[in-house]
């Protein structure tokens, strides 16, 4: 029997959406206010869900404390109160859209999970705008 557990977290970060090879006019036409050269920020909400079999001894799919600590070390410590474009190496050459951020988070977390488990990342950039990624 497969069960899904979820952990919610958050981080605050600034970013700028732009393509380096485009001029400011083209970036503004595609990304609007998000192309502001002085950056802008979001209060991101993150939900990480892990699906797997229940361990018959512990009753866990995964220890929630382990998941909490993993999210803190791999995501919150790396992204919280940072300028994603300038301070997070993952985004030096990758546009930090919500889509790309969710894939980066997934890749940071999935490598720490047992191979028999699957993961889904849901990232809210605003209360109404969010993305899901599950590999």
N, C-alpha and C. Protein backbone atom coordinates (compact mmCIF):
# COMPACT_ATOMS: atom_id res chain seq x y z
N UNK A 1 0.85 -1.18 0.00
CA UNK A 1 0.00 0.00 0.00
C UNK A 1 0.90 1.25 0.00
N UNK A 2 0.69 2.11 -0.99
CA UNK A 2 1.47 3.34 -1.08
C UNK A 2 0.70 4.47 -0.41
N UNK A 3 1.45 5.28 0.34
CA UNK A 3 0.90 6.43 1.05
C UNK A 3 1.79 7.63 0.76
N UNK A 4 1.18 8.81 0.71
CA UNK A 4 1.93 10.04 0.48
C UNK A 4 1.93 10.88 1.75
N UNK A 5 3.12 11.31 2.15
CA UNK A 5 3.28 12.25 3.26
C UNK A 5 3.73 13.58 2.67
N UNK A 6 3.40 14.68 3.35
CA UNK A 6 3.76 16.00 2.84
C UNK A 6 4.27 16.88 3.96
N UNK A 7 5.19 17.74 3.60
CA UNK A 7 5.76 18.73 4.53
C UNK A 7 5.72 20.08 3.86
N UNK A 8 5.23 21.08 4.59
CA UNK A 8 5.15 22.44 4.09
C UNK A 8 6.31 23.25 4.65
N UNK A 9 6.86 24.12 3.82
CA UNK A 9 7.96 25.00 4.24
C UNK A 9 7.80 26.32 3.49
N UNK A 10 8.63 27.27 3.82
CA UNK A 10 8.62 28.53 3.08
C UNK A 10 10.00 29.16 3.08
N UNK A 11 10.19 30.04 2.11
CA UNK A 11 11.40 30.84 2.06
C UNK A 11 11.08 32.13 1.32
N UNK A 12 11.84 33.15 1.60
CA UNK A 12 11.70 34.45 0.96
C UNK A 12 12.93 34.66 0.09
N UNK A 13 12.72 35.08 -1.15
CA UNK A 13 13.85 35.27 -2.03
C UNK A 13 13.53 36.31 -3.10
N UNK A 14 14.57 36.95 -3.60
CA UNK A 14 14.46 37.90 -4.70
C UNK A 14 14.97 37.25 -5.97
N UNK A 15 14.46 37.74 -7.08
CA UNK A 15 14.96 37.25 -8.37
C UNK A 15 14.61 38.26 -9.45
N UNK A 16 15.18 38.04 -10.61
CA UNK A 16 14.84 38.79 -11.81
C UNK A 16 14.69 37.77 -12.93
N UNK A 17 13.59 37.86 -13.67
CA UNK A 17 13.40 37.00 -14.82
C UNK A 17 13.89 37.73 -16.06
N UNK A 18 14.88 37.15 -16.70
CA UNK A 18 15.40 37.76 -17.93
C UNK A 18 16.30 36.76 -18.65
N UNK A 19 16.45 37.00 -19.94
CA UNK A 19 17.36 36.22 -20.77
C UNK A 19 18.54 37.13 -21.08
N UNK A 20 19.74 36.71 -20.68
CA UNK A 20 20.93 37.55 -20.78
C UNK A 20 21.19 38.06 -22.19
N UNK A 21 20.88 37.26 -23.19
CA UNK A 21 21.19 37.65 -24.57
C UNK A 21 20.16 38.62 -25.16
N UNK A 22 19.05 38.87 -24.44
CA UNK A 22 18.04 39.80 -24.93
C UNK A 22 18.28 41.19 -24.37
N UNK A 23 17.82 42.22 -25.08
CA UNK A 23 17.90 43.58 -24.55
C UNK A 23 16.76 43.80 -23.55
N UNK A 24 16.83 44.92 -22.82
CA UNK A 24 15.83 45.20 -21.78
C UNK A 24 14.42 45.27 -22.35
N UNK A 25 14.27 45.81 -23.54
CA UNK A 25 12.94 45.94 -24.14
C UNK A 25 12.31 44.58 -24.37
N UNK A 26 13.08 43.64 -24.92
CA UNK A 26 12.52 42.31 -25.17
C UNK A 26 12.23 41.59 -23.85
N UNK A 27 13.16 41.69 -22.88
CA UNK A 27 12.91 41.07 -21.58
C UNK A 27 11.64 41.62 -20.94
N UNK A 28 11.45 42.94 -20.99
CA UNK A 28 10.25 43.55 -20.41
C UNK A 28 8.99 43.11 -21.15
N UNK A 29 9.10 42.93 -22.48
CA UNK A 29 7.91 42.52 -23.23
C UNK A 29 7.50 41.09 -22.89
N UNK A 30 8.46 40.23 -22.55
CA UNK A 30 8.17 38.84 -22.21
C UNK A 30 7.85 38.67 -20.73
N UNK A 31 8.68 39.27 -19.86
CA UNK A 31 8.58 39.01 -18.42
C UNK A 31 7.91 40.14 -17.63
N UNK A 32 7.59 41.25 -18.28
CA UNK A 32 6.91 42.35 -17.61
C UNK A 32 7.69 42.88 -16.42
N UNK A 33 6.95 43.17 -15.33
CA UNK A 33 7.59 43.72 -14.12
C UNK A 33 8.63 42.78 -13.53
N UNK A 34 8.51 41.49 -13.84
CA UNK A 34 9.46 40.51 -13.30
C UNK A 34 10.86 40.67 -13.89
N UNK A 35 10.99 41.46 -14.96
CA UNK A 35 12.30 41.71 -15.57
C UNK A 35 13.00 42.93 -14.96
N UNK A 36 12.44 43.48 -13.92
CA UNK A 36 13.01 44.66 -13.27
C UNK A 36 14.49 44.43 -12.97
N UNK A 37 15.38 45.28 -13.50
CA UNK A 37 16.82 45.07 -13.27
C UNK A 37 17.24 45.24 -11.81
N UNK A 38 16.34 45.76 -10.98
CA UNK A 38 16.63 45.91 -9.55
C UNK A 38 16.04 44.76 -8.73
N UNK A 39 15.49 43.76 -9.42
CA UNK A 39 14.97 42.54 -8.81
C UNK A 39 13.65 42.79 -8.09
N UNK A 40 13.02 41.73 -7.65
CA UNK A 40 11.79 41.78 -6.86
C UNK A 40 11.73 40.48 -6.07
N UNK A 41 10.87 40.42 -5.06
CA UNK A 41 10.88 39.25 -4.18
C UNK A 41 9.52 38.59 -4.04
N UNK A 42 9.58 37.37 -3.52
CA UNK A 42 8.38 36.59 -3.24
C UNK A 42 8.53 35.89 -1.89
N UNK A 43 7.39 35.62 -1.28
CA UNK A 43 7.31 34.76 -0.11
C UNK A 43 6.85 33.40 -0.62
N UNK A 44 7.81 32.55 -0.95
CA UNK A 44 7.49 31.25 -1.55
C UNK A 44 6.97 30.28 -0.50
N UNK A 45 5.95 29.53 -0.87
CA UNK A 45 5.44 28.43 -0.06
C UNK A 45 5.78 27.14 -0.80
N UNK A 46 6.26 26.18 -0.07
CA UNK A 46 6.72 24.93 -0.66
C UNK A 46 6.03 23.76 0.02
N UNK A 47 5.54 22.82 -0.79
CA UNK A 47 5.01 21.57 -0.26
C UNK A 47 5.78 20.44 -0.93
N UNK A 48 6.42 19.63 -0.12
CA UNK A 48 7.16 18.47 -0.62
C UNK A 48 6.41 17.22 -0.18
N UNK A 49 6.05 16.39 -1.15
CA UNK A 49 5.32 15.16 -0.86
C UNK A 49 6.17 13.96 -1.26
N UNK A 50 6.23 12.98 -0.37
CA UNK A 50 6.97 11.74 -0.62
C UNK A 50 5.98 10.59 -0.58
N UNK A 51 6.03 9.76 -1.61
CA UNK A 51 5.13 8.61 -1.70
C UNK A 51 5.93 7.32 -1.65
N UNK A 52 5.46 6.38 -0.86
CA UNK A 52 6.12 5.09 -0.76
C UNK A 52 5.31 4.12 0.08
N UNK A 53 5.87 2.96 0.26
CA UNK A 53 5.24 1.93 1.10
C UNK A 53 5.44 2.29 2.57
N UNK A 54 4.49 1.92 3.39
CA UNK A 54 4.62 2.11 4.84
C UNK A 54 5.55 1.03 5.39
N UNK A 55 6.56 1.46 6.11
CA UNK A 55 7.47 0.50 6.75
C UNK A 55 6.68 -0.24 7.83
N UNK A 56 6.65 -1.57 7.80
CA UNK A 56 5.84 -2.31 8.76
C UNK A 56 6.33 -2.18 10.20
N UNK A 57 7.61 -1.89 10.40
CA UNK A 57 8.12 -1.75 11.77
C UNK A 57 7.85 -0.36 12.34
N UNK A 58 8.16 0.70 11.55
CA UNK A 58 8.02 2.06 12.09
C UNK A 58 6.63 2.64 11.86
N UNK A 59 5.94 2.16 10.82
CA UNK A 59 4.66 2.76 10.45
C UNK A 59 4.82 4.01 9.61
N UNK A 60 6.08 4.34 9.26
CA UNK A 60 6.38 5.53 8.47
C UNK A 60 6.58 5.20 6.99
N UNK A 61 6.21 6.15 6.13
CA UNK A 61 6.72 6.16 4.75
C UNK A 61 8.13 6.72 4.82
N UNK A 62 8.26 7.79 5.61
CA UNK A 62 9.55 8.46 5.86
C UNK A 62 9.39 9.25 7.15
N UNK A 63 10.41 9.30 7.93
CA UNK A 63 10.38 10.09 9.17
C UNK A 63 10.22 11.56 8.79
N UNK A 64 9.16 12.20 9.27
CA UNK A 64 8.90 13.61 8.96
C UNK A 64 10.03 14.53 9.43
N UNK A 65 10.68 14.17 10.51
CA UNK A 65 11.81 14.99 10.99
C UNK A 65 12.95 14.94 9.98
N UNK A 66 13.18 13.79 9.39
CA UNK A 66 14.22 13.67 8.35
C UNK A 66 13.84 14.53 7.15
N UNK A 67 12.57 14.49 6.73
CA UNK A 67 12.12 15.30 5.61
C UNK A 67 12.24 16.79 5.94
N UNK A 68 11.85 17.17 7.14
CA UNK A 68 11.96 18.56 7.58
C UNK A 68 13.41 19.03 7.52
N UNK A 69 14.33 18.24 8.05
CA UNK A 69 15.74 18.61 8.07
C UNK A 69 16.33 18.67 6.67
N UNK A 70 15.88 17.79 5.81
CA UNK A 70 16.35 17.76 4.42
C UNK A 70 15.89 19.03 3.68
N UNK A 71 14.65 19.41 3.86
CA UNK A 71 14.14 20.64 3.23
C UNK A 71 14.89 21.85 3.78
N UNK A 72 15.15 21.85 5.06
CA UNK A 72 15.88 22.99 5.64
C UNK A 72 17.29 23.10 5.07
N UNK A 73 18.02 22.00 5.05
CA UNK A 73 19.41 22.07 4.61
C UNK A 73 19.54 22.28 3.10
N UNK A 74 18.67 21.66 2.32
CA UNK A 74 18.81 21.71 0.86
C UNK A 74 18.09 22.90 0.22
N UNK A 75 17.03 23.40 0.86
CA UNK A 75 16.24 24.46 0.24
C UNK A 75 16.28 25.75 1.06
N UNK A 76 15.77 25.68 2.28
CA UNK A 76 15.66 26.91 3.07
C UNK A 76 17.02 27.56 3.30
N UNK A 77 18.00 26.79 3.72
CA UNK A 77 19.33 27.38 3.96
C UNK A 77 19.95 27.92 2.68
N UNK A 78 19.66 27.28 1.56
CA UNK A 78 20.26 27.68 0.28
C UNK A 78 19.56 28.89 -0.35
N UNK A 79 18.22 29.02 -0.16
CA UNK A 79 17.46 30.03 -0.88
C UNK A 79 16.93 31.18 -0.03
N UNK A 80 16.69 30.95 1.26
CA UNK A 80 15.99 31.93 2.08
C UNK A 80 16.78 33.23 2.22
N UNK A 81 16.09 34.33 1.95
CA UNK A 81 16.66 35.69 2.03
C UNK A 81 17.88 35.84 1.13
N UNK A 82 17.79 35.23 -0.05
CA UNK A 82 18.87 35.33 -1.04
C UNK A 82 18.32 35.95 -2.31
N UNK A 83 19.24 36.52 -3.08
CA UNK A 83 18.95 36.91 -4.45
C UNK A 83 19.29 35.68 -5.29
N UNK A 84 18.30 35.02 -5.83
CA UNK A 84 18.53 33.76 -6.52
C UNK A 84 19.49 33.92 -7.69
N UNK A 85 19.36 35.01 -8.46
CA UNK A 85 20.22 35.22 -9.62
C UNK A 85 21.68 35.39 -9.22
N UNK A 86 21.92 36.08 -8.11
CA UNK A 86 23.28 36.49 -7.76
C UNK A 86 23.94 35.63 -6.69
N UNK A 87 23.15 34.95 -5.87
CA UNK A 87 23.72 34.25 -4.72
C UNK A 87 23.56 32.73 -4.74
N UNK A 88 22.77 32.22 -5.65
CA UNK A 88 22.51 30.77 -5.68
C UNK A 88 23.08 30.21 -6.99
N UNK A 89 24.18 29.47 -6.91
CA UNK A 89 24.85 28.98 -8.12
C UNK A 89 23.95 28.25 -9.11
N UNK A 90 22.90 27.58 -8.63
CA UNK A 90 21.98 26.88 -9.52
C UNK A 90 21.36 27.81 -10.57
N UNK A 91 21.28 29.11 -10.25
CA UNK A 91 20.60 30.06 -11.12
C UNK A 91 21.54 31.05 -11.80
N UNK A 92 22.84 30.83 -11.70
CA UNK A 92 23.77 31.72 -12.39
C UNK A 92 23.52 31.70 -13.89
N UNK A 93 23.17 30.54 -14.43
CA UNK A 93 22.91 30.40 -15.87
C UNK A 93 21.53 29.82 -16.16
N UNK A 94 20.63 29.90 -15.19
CA UNK A 94 19.28 29.35 -15.33
C UNK A 94 18.29 30.40 -14.84
N UNK A 95 17.35 30.78 -15.69
CA UNK A 95 16.36 31.78 -15.33
C UNK A 95 15.53 31.27 -14.15
N UNK A 96 15.49 32.00 -13.01
CA UNK A 96 14.82 31.49 -11.82
C UNK A 96 13.29 31.67 -11.85
N UNK A 97 12.68 31.08 -12.87
CA UNK A 97 11.21 31.04 -12.91
C UNK A 97 10.73 30.05 -11.85
N UNK A 98 9.46 30.12 -11.52
CA UNK A 98 8.91 29.16 -10.56
C UNK A 98 9.10 27.73 -11.07
N UNK A 99 8.96 27.56 -12.39
CA UNK A 99 9.15 26.23 -12.98
C UNK A 99 10.57 25.72 -12.74
N UNK A 100 11.55 26.55 -13.04
CA UNK A 100 12.95 26.14 -12.85
C UNK A 100 13.31 25.97 -11.39
N UNK A 101 12.78 26.83 -10.52
CA UNK A 101 13.05 26.69 -9.09
C UNK A 101 12.51 25.35 -8.59
N UNK A 102 11.31 24.97 -9.03
CA UNK A 102 10.74 23.70 -8.56
C UNK A 102 11.57 22.51 -9.03
N UNK A 103 12.10 22.56 -10.25
CA UNK A 103 12.94 21.46 -10.75
C UNK A 103 14.25 21.40 -9.97
N UNK A 104 14.85 22.55 -9.67
CA UNK A 104 16.08 22.58 -8.88
C UNK A 104 15.83 22.00 -7.49
N UNK A 105 14.72 22.38 -6.85
CA UNK A 105 14.39 21.85 -5.53
C UNK A 105 14.21 20.33 -5.60
N UNK A 106 13.46 19.87 -6.57
CA UNK A 106 13.26 18.43 -6.76
C UNK A 106 14.60 17.71 -6.85
N UNK A 107 15.49 18.21 -7.71
CA UNK A 107 16.79 17.56 -7.90
C UNK A 107 17.65 17.57 -6.65
N UNK A 108 17.53 18.62 -5.84
CA UNK A 108 18.29 18.68 -4.59
C UNK A 108 17.79 17.65 -3.58
N UNK A 109 16.47 17.40 -3.59
CA UNK A 109 15.87 16.52 -2.60
C UNK A 109 15.88 15.05 -3.01
N UNK A 110 15.58 14.77 -4.27
CA UNK A 110 15.37 13.39 -4.71
C UNK A 110 16.62 12.53 -4.51
N UNK A 111 17.78 13.11 -4.61
CA UNK A 111 19.01 12.32 -4.47
C UNK A 111 19.23 11.82 -3.04
N UNK A 112 18.47 12.35 -2.08
CA UNK A 112 18.60 11.93 -0.69
C UNK A 112 17.56 10.89 -0.28
N UNK A 113 16.67 10.55 -1.19
CA UNK A 113 15.59 9.62 -0.87
C UNK A 113 15.91 8.21 -1.34
N UNK A 114 15.34 7.23 -0.67
CA UNK A 114 15.45 5.85 -1.12
C UNK A 114 14.84 5.73 -2.51
N UNK A 115 15.39 4.85 -3.31
CA UNK A 115 14.97 4.70 -4.72
C UNK A 115 13.53 4.20 -4.85
N UNK A 116 12.98 3.59 -3.78
CA UNK A 116 11.61 3.09 -3.87
C UNK A 116 10.56 4.16 -3.54
N UNK A 117 11.00 5.40 -3.34
CA UNK A 117 10.10 6.49 -3.01
C UNK A 117 10.05 7.48 -4.18
N UNK A 118 8.90 8.13 -4.35
CA UNK A 118 8.77 9.19 -5.33
C UNK A 118 8.49 10.50 -4.61
N UNK A 119 8.77 11.60 -5.30
CA UNK A 119 8.64 12.91 -4.68
C UNK A 119 7.90 13.84 -5.63
N UNK A 120 7.12 14.74 -5.05
CA UNK A 120 6.48 15.81 -5.80
C UNK A 120 6.75 17.12 -5.07
N UNK A 121 7.08 18.14 -5.83
CA UNK A 121 7.32 19.48 -5.30
C UNK A 121 6.22 20.39 -5.82
N UNK A 122 5.57 21.10 -4.91
CA UNK A 122 4.60 22.13 -5.28
C UNK A 122 5.16 23.44 -4.72
N UNK A 123 5.36 24.39 -5.61
CA UNK A 123 5.95 25.68 -5.22
C UNK A 123 4.96 26.79 -5.54
N UNK A 124 4.54 27.51 -4.50
CA UNK A 124 3.67 28.68 -4.65
C UNK A 124 4.56 29.92 -4.70
N UNK A 125 4.49 30.63 -5.82
CA UNK A 125 5.20 31.91 -5.92
C UNK A 125 4.34 33.02 -5.33
N UNK A 126 3.05 32.90 -5.54
CA UNK A 126 2.04 33.76 -4.91
C UNK A 126 0.91 32.83 -4.48
N UNK A 127 -0.04 33.33 -3.70
CA UNK A 127 -1.15 32.44 -3.31
C UNK A 127 -1.93 31.88 -4.50
N UNK A 128 -1.89 32.56 -5.66
CA UNK A 128 -2.65 32.10 -6.82
C UNK A 128 -1.79 31.48 -7.92
N UNK A 129 -0.49 31.64 -7.86
CA UNK A 129 0.40 31.11 -8.90
C UNK A 129 1.31 30.05 -8.30
N UNK A 130 1.20 28.81 -8.82
CA UNK A 130 2.03 27.74 -8.30
C UNK A 130 2.34 26.73 -9.39
N UNK A 131 3.40 25.96 -9.18
CA UNK A 131 3.79 24.92 -10.12
C UNK A 131 3.98 23.62 -9.35
N UNK A 132 3.81 22.50 -10.09
CA UNK A 132 4.06 21.16 -9.53
C UNK A 132 5.11 20.49 -10.39
N UNK A 133 6.01 19.77 -9.74
CA UNK A 133 7.00 18.98 -10.50
C UNK A 133 7.22 17.67 -9.78
N UNK A 134 7.21 16.57 -10.55
CA UNK A 134 7.42 15.26 -9.95
C UNK A 134 8.37 14.39 -10.77
N UNK A 135 9.26 15.01 -11.50
CA UNK A 135 10.29 14.27 -12.22
C UNK A 135 9.90 13.81 -13.58
